[in-house]
C-alpha atoms as a PDB file:
ATOM      1  CA  UNK A   1     -25.912   4.571  32.002  1.00  0.00           C
ATOM      2  CA  UNK A   2     -24.636   7.339  29.951  1.00  0.00           C
ATOM      3  CA  UNK A   3     -26.982   8.784  27.057  1.00  0.00           C
ATOM      4  CA  UNK A   4     -23.721   8.059  24.650  1.00  0.00           C
ATOM      5  CA  UNK A   5     -23.468   4.817  24.890  1.00  0.00           C
ATOM      6  CA  UNK A   6     -27.148   3.721  24.246  1.00  0.00           C
ATOM      7  CA  UNK A   7     -27.241   6.822  21.163  1.00  0.00           C
ATOM      8  CA  UNK A   8     -26.751   4.803  17.644  1.00  0.00           C
ATOM      9  CA  UNK A   9     -25.835   8.318  16.377  1.00  0.00           C
ATOM     10  CA  UNK A  10     -23.497   8.793  18.508  1.00  0.00           C
ATOM     11  CA  UNK A  11     -21.921   5.875  18.425  1.00  0.00           C
ATOM     12  CA  UNK A  12     -21.530   5.160  14.763  1.00  0.00           C
ATOM     13  CA  UNK A  13     -19.731   9.472  14.644  1.00  0.00           C
ATOM     14  CA  UNK A  14     -17.644   7.809  17.223  1.00  0.00           C
ATOM     15  CA  UNK A  15     -16.995   4.952  14.804  1.00  0.00           C
ATOM     16  CA  UNK A  16     -16.325   7.225  11.795  1.00  0.00           C
ATOM     17  CA  UNK A  17     -14.118   9.391  13.860  1.00  0.00           C
ATOM     18  CA  UNK A  18     -11.881   6.187  14.825  1.00  0.00           C
ATOM     19  CA  UNK A  19     -11.666   5.270  10.901  1.00  0.00           C
ATOM     20  CA  UNK A  20     -10.687   8.649  10.362  1.00  0.00           C
ATOM     21  CA  UNK A  21      -8.270   8.490  12.317  1.00  0.00           C
ATOM     22  CA  UNK A  22      -6.773   5.253  11.352  1.00  0.00           C
ATOM     23  CA  UNK A  23      -7.250   6.322   7.802  1.00  0.00           C
ATOM     24  CA  UNK A  24      -5.371   9.368   8.496  1.00  0.00           C
ATOM     25  CA  UNK A  25      -2.495   7.260  10.164  1.00  0.00           C
ATOM     26  CA  UNK A  26      -1.978   5.644   6.700  1.00  0.00           C
ATOM     27  CA  UNK A  27       0.090   7.128   3.863  1.00  0.00           C
ATOM     28  CA  UNK A  28      -2.139   8.201   0.780  1.00  0.00           C
ATOM     29  CA  UNK A  29      -0.023   5.873  -1.555  1.00  0.00           C
ATOM     30  CA  UNK A  30      -0.660   2.858   0.578  1.00  0.00           C
ATOM     31  CA  UNK A  31      -4.482   3.323   0.214  1.00  0.00           C
ATOM     32  CA  UNK A  32      -4.517   4.472  -3.394  1.00  0.00           C
ATOM     33  CA  UNK A  33      -2.430   0.957  -4.213  1.00  0.00           C
ATOM     34  CA  UNK A  34      -5.056  -1.005  -2.081  1.00  0.00           C
ATOM     35  CA  UNK A  35      -7.875   0.585  -4.080  1.00  0.00           C
ATOM     36  CA  UNK A  36      -6.070   0.039  -7.654  1.00  0.00           C
ATOM     37  CA  UNK A  37      -6.090  -4.106  -6.643  1.00  0.00           C
ATOM     38  CA  UNK A  38      -9.597  -3.472  -5.694  1.00  0.00           C
ATOM     39  CA  UNK A  39      -9.927  -2.480  -9.790  1.00  0.00           C
ATOM     40  CA  UNK A  40      -8.080  -5.416 -10.691  1.00  0.00           C
ATOM     41  CA  UNK A  41     -10.181  -7.550  -8.416  1.00  0.00           C
ATOM     42  CA  UNK A  42     -13.367  -6.029  -9.909  1.00  0.00           C
ATOM     43  CA  UNK A  43     -12.033  -6.710 -13.664  1.00  0.00           C
ATOM     44  CA  UNK A  44     -11.376 -10.289 -12.722  1.00  0.00           C
ATOM     45  CA  UNK A  45     -14.531 -11.308 -10.908  1.00  0.00           C
ATOM     46  CA  UNK A  46     -16.250 -10.028 -14.170  1.00  0.00           C
ATOM     47  CA  UNK A  47     -14.170 -11.418 -16.879  1.00  0.00           C
ATOM     48  CA  UNK A  48     -13.944 -15.083 -14.465  1.00  0.00           C
ATOM     49  CA  UNK A  49     -17.822 -14.698 -14.227  1.00  0.00           C
ATOM     50  CA  UNK A  50     -19.640 -17.923 -15.801  1.00  0.00           C
ATOM     51  CA  UNK A  51     -20.945 -15.298 -18.502  1.00  0.00           C
ATOM     52  CA  UNK A  52     -17.959 -13.009 -18.297  1.00  0.00           C
ATOM     53  CA  UNK A  53     -19.110  -8.921 -18.183  1.00  0.00           C
ATOM     54  CA  UNK A  54     -16.655  -7.261 -20.341  1.00  0.00           C
ATOM     55  CA  UNK A  55     -18.722  -3.853 -20.430  1.00  0.00           C
ATOM     56  CA  UNK A  56     -17.638  -3.869 -16.322  1.00  0.00           C
ATOM     57  CA  UNK A  57     -14.803  -5.202 -17.028  1.00  0.00           C
ATOM     58  CA  UNK A  58     -13.640  -2.840 -19.074  1.00  0.00           C
ATOM     59  CA  UNK A  59     -14.564  -0.337 -16.843  1.00  0.00           C
ATOM     60  CA  UNK A  60     -12.790  -1.128 -14.123  1.00  0.00           C
ATOM     61  CA  UNK A  61      -9.466  -1.453 -16.451  1.00  0.00           C
ATOM     62  CA  UNK A  62      -9.783   1.502 -17.696  1.00  0.00           C
ATOM     63  CA  UNK A  63      -9.741   2.978 -14.071  1.00  0.00           C
ATOM     64  CA  UNK A  64      -6.973   0.688 -13.149  1.00  0.00           C
ATOM     65  CA  UNK A  65      -5.077   2.336 -15.821  1.00  0.00           C
ATOM     66  CA  UNK A  66      -5.933   5.608 -15.013  1.00  0.00           C
ATOM     67  CA  UNK A  67      -4.850   5.516 -11.475  1.00  0.00           C
ATOM     68  CA  UNK A  68      -1.531   3.250 -12.250  1.00  0.00           C
ATOM     69  CA  UNK A  69      -0.700   5.793 -15.845  1.00  0.00           C
ATOM     70  CA  UNK A  70      -1.900   8.570 -14.226  1.00  0.00           C
ATOM     71  CA  UNK A  71      -0.045   8.613 -10.727  1.00  0.00           C
ATOM     72  CA  UNK A  72       3.110   6.610 -12.016  1.00  0.00           C
ATOM     73  CA  UNK A  73       5.507   6.256  -9.708  1.00  0.00           C
ATOM     74  CA  UNK A  74       3.922   8.399  -7.376  1.00  0.00           C
ATOM     75  CA  UNK A  75       2.240   5.034  -5.852  1.00  0.00           C
ATOM     76  CA  UNK A  76       5.624   4.218  -4.538  1.00  0.00           C
ATOM     77  CA  UNK A  77       7.493   0.610  -4.305  1.00  0.00           C
ATOM     78  CA  UNK A  78       4.068  -0.652  -5.356  1.00  0.00           C
ATOM     79  CA  UNK A  79       3.691   0.989  -8.718  1.00  0.00           C
ATOM     80  CA  UNK A  80       6.048  -2.047 -10.955  1.00  0.00           C
ATOM     81  CA  UNK A  81       3.165  -4.481  -9.566  1.00  0.00           C
ATOM     82  CA  UNK A  82       0.494  -2.452 -10.540  1.00  0.00           C
ATOM     83  CA  UNK A  83       2.260  -1.850 -13.951  1.00  0.00           C
ATOM     84  CA  UNK A  84       2.352  -5.952 -14.649  1.00  0.00           C
ATOM     85  CA  UNK A  85      -1.091  -6.313 -13.006  1.00  0.00           C
ATOM     86  CA  UNK A  86      -2.719  -4.350 -14.832  1.00  0.00           C
ATOM     87  CA  UNK A  87      -0.859  -5.533 -18.097  1.00  0.00           C
ATOM     88  CA  UNK A  88      -1.676  -9.359 -16.885  1.00  0.00           C
ATOM     89  CA  UNK A  89      -5.775  -8.227 -16.463  1.00  0.00           C
ATOM     90  CA  UNK A  90      -5.571  -6.589 -20.147  1.00  0.00           C
ATOM     91  CA  UNK A  91      -4.164  -9.990 -21.654  1.00  0.00           C
ATOM     92  CA  UNK A  92      -7.092 -11.776 -19.557  1.00  0.00           C
ATOM     93  CA  UNK A  93      -9.368  -9.011 -21.195  1.00  0.00           C
ATOM     94  CA  UNK A  94      -7.697  -9.829 -24.599  1.00  0.00           C
ATOM     95  CA  UNK A  95      -8.562 -13.530 -24.070  1.00  0.00           C
ATOM     96  CA  UNK A  96     -12.017 -13.714 -22.650  1.00  0.00           C
ATOM     97  CA  UNK A  97     -13.265 -11.551 -25.302  1.00  0.00           C
ATOM     98  CA  UNK A  98     -11.669 -13.588 -28.319  1.00  0.00           C
ATOM     99  CA  UNK A  99     -13.036 -16.440 -26.660  1.00  0.00           C
ATOM    100  CA  UNK A 100     -16.323 -15.077 -26.491  1.00  0.00           C
ATOM    101  CA  UNK A 101     -16.992 -12.989 -29.655  1.00  0.00           C
ATOM    102  CA  UNK A 102     -14.269 -14.762 -31.587  1.00  0.00           C
ATOM    103  CA  UNK A 103     -12.220 -11.778 -32.192  1.00  0.00           C
ATOM    104  CA  UNK A 104      -9.200 -12.627 -34.151  1.00  0.00           C
END
């Protein structure tokens, strides 16, 4: 038996190197877009909770806006979809906030 096979540190280092190689082969705009979608989903989770967490939802929405507005068309072909998603989650936020706080 090889010592490397049984060494959890070596196995973790090898797995990390494989993950890095896979990630390096993907266009950066794809990875950033996936993270932006994660921010959208995070906001949606906080807004759809039994007791919505408006502070956490707002943070996720602002982070999404920073990516979408800050990078704009550099996000590639998914940019228009992300612009629409941002507008959508902002409208949901306003609706949930109005329902929770009685805002006009």
